[in-house]
Protein backbone atom coordinates (compact mmCIF):
# COMPACT_ATOMS: atom_id res chain seq x y z
CA SER A 1 -163.14 216.96 265.65
CA ALA A 2 -165.61 217.76 262.83
CA ASP A 3 -165.35 214.38 261.30
CA ASP A 4 -166.69 212.62 264.62
CA LEU A 5 -169.95 214.57 264.05
CA SER A 6 -171.65 212.21 261.75
CA PRO A 7 -175.48 212.65 261.24
CA PRO A 8 -177.88 210.81 263.16
CA PRO A 9 -179.10 207.14 261.98
CA GLN A 10 -182.13 207.82 259.79
CA LEU A 11 -185.48 205.37 259.56
CA ASN A 12 -185.80 202.86 256.91
CA GLY A 13 -189.61 203.57 256.62
CA SER A 14 -192.25 204.89 258.83
CA ALA A 15 -192.48 204.60 262.75
CA THR A 16 -195.12 203.03 264.48
CA ILE A 17 -196.27 205.00 267.70
CA ASN A 18 -196.39 202.73 270.54
CA ALA A 19 -195.32 202.37 274.46
CA ASN A 20 -191.64 202.98 272.98
CA VAL A 21 -192.38 205.52 270.41
CA GLN A 22 -194.01 208.79 270.95
CA VAL A 23 -194.59 212.21 269.34
CA ALA A 24 -192.25 214.95 270.97
CA GLN A 25 -194.50 217.80 272.63
CA LEU A 26 -192.52 220.95 271.48
CA PRO A 27 -193.58 224.50 272.49
CA ALA A 28 -195.02 226.78 269.93
CA GLN A 29 -192.52 228.75 267.93
CA GLY A 30 -191.11 232.09 269.57
CA ARG A 31 -192.45 230.77 273.03
CA ARG A 32 -189.63 231.09 275.60
CA LEU A 33 -189.20 228.56 278.36
CA GLY A 34 -189.13 229.82 281.88
CA ASN A 35 -186.60 228.95 284.66
CA GLY A 36 -187.44 225.66 286.37
CA VAL A 37 -189.40 224.11 283.43
CA GLN A 38 -188.54 220.16 283.37
CA CYS A 39 -187.94 219.03 279.70
CA LEU A 40 -186.54 215.77 278.65
CA ALA A 41 -183.44 216.12 276.08
CA MET A 42 -182.54 213.47 273.45
CA GLY A 43 -179.51 212.87 270.82
CA TRP A 44 -176.44 211.18 269.52
CA GLY A 45 -174.13 213.91 270.95
CA LEU A 46 -171.10 214.15 272.85
CA LEU A 47 -170.99 211.48 275.90
CA GLY A 48 -168.44 213.82 277.66
CA ARG A 49 -165.04 214.61 277.75
CA ASN A 50 -162.70 212.23 275.98
CA ARG A 51 -165.70 209.83 275.67
CA GLY A 52 -166.97 210.08 271.94
CA ILE A 53 -170.35 210.20 270.29
CA ALA A 54 -172.99 208.11 271.57
CA SER A 55 -174.07 205.26 269.23
CA VAL A 56 -177.54 204.60 270.60
CA LEU A 57 -180.06 207.64 271.07
CA GLN A 58 -179.42 209.07 274.59
CA GLU A 59 -181.79 210.68 276.95
CA LEU A 60 -181.51 212.87 279.91
CA ASN A 61 -184.06 214.80 282.22
CA VAL A 62 -183.04 218.32 282.52
CA THR A 63 -184.04 221.57 284.06
CA VAL A 64 -184.27 225.21 282.17
CA VAL A 65 -181.90 227.58 283.79
CA THR A 66 -182.42 231.04 282.27
CA PHE A 67 -180.10 232.80 284.74
CA LEU A 68 -177.14 230.83 283.23
CA CYS A 69 -177.49 231.37 279.62
CA ARG A 70 -176.90 234.21 277.19
CA PRO A 71 -180.16 235.90 275.55
CA HIS A 72 -181.75 233.64 272.87
CA ASN A 73 -179.86 230.50 273.78
CA LEU A 74 -181.60 227.79 275.82
CA CYS A 75 -179.75 226.22 278.56
CA THR A 76 -180.26 223.19 280.89
CA PHE A 77 -178.90 221.63 284.36
CA VAL A 78 -178.90 218.76 286.10
CA PRO A 79 -177.29 219.17 289.21
CA ARG A 80 -176.95 215.68 290.92
CA ARG A 81 -175.05 214.78 287.47
CA ARG A 82 -172.93 217.98 287.00
CA ALA A 83 -174.31 217.76 283.50
CA GLY A 84 -176.38 220.39 281.17
CA ILE A 85 -176.84 221.34 277.70
CA CYS A 86 -176.91 224.85 275.84
CA PHE A 87 -178.90 224.96 272.69
CA VAL A 88 -177.57 228.15 270.61
CA ARG A 89 -180.16 229.93 268.52
CA VAL A 90 -179.03 230.28 264.85
CA SER A 91 -180.63 233.05 263.10
CA ARG A 92 -181.14 232.62 259.60
């Protein structure tokens, strides 16, 4: 439900870059990621059907799959886990 989708935790101060904390490398705005590009997806989203929302940051190595996706979305897939993520582009 919408009540289950609370905002992610916030930092109390500045983060220190070290072996466990790194800056994310993002593609340039408007650049499309091609089929087969390897990415690391992170978030506090749903863990699966009837499993609720993660209480700690989750990460998953994913592969971009353009042929499974609607135009202007970004879809990923992890075959061995039968998992994936679809990011929907929101126009403003």
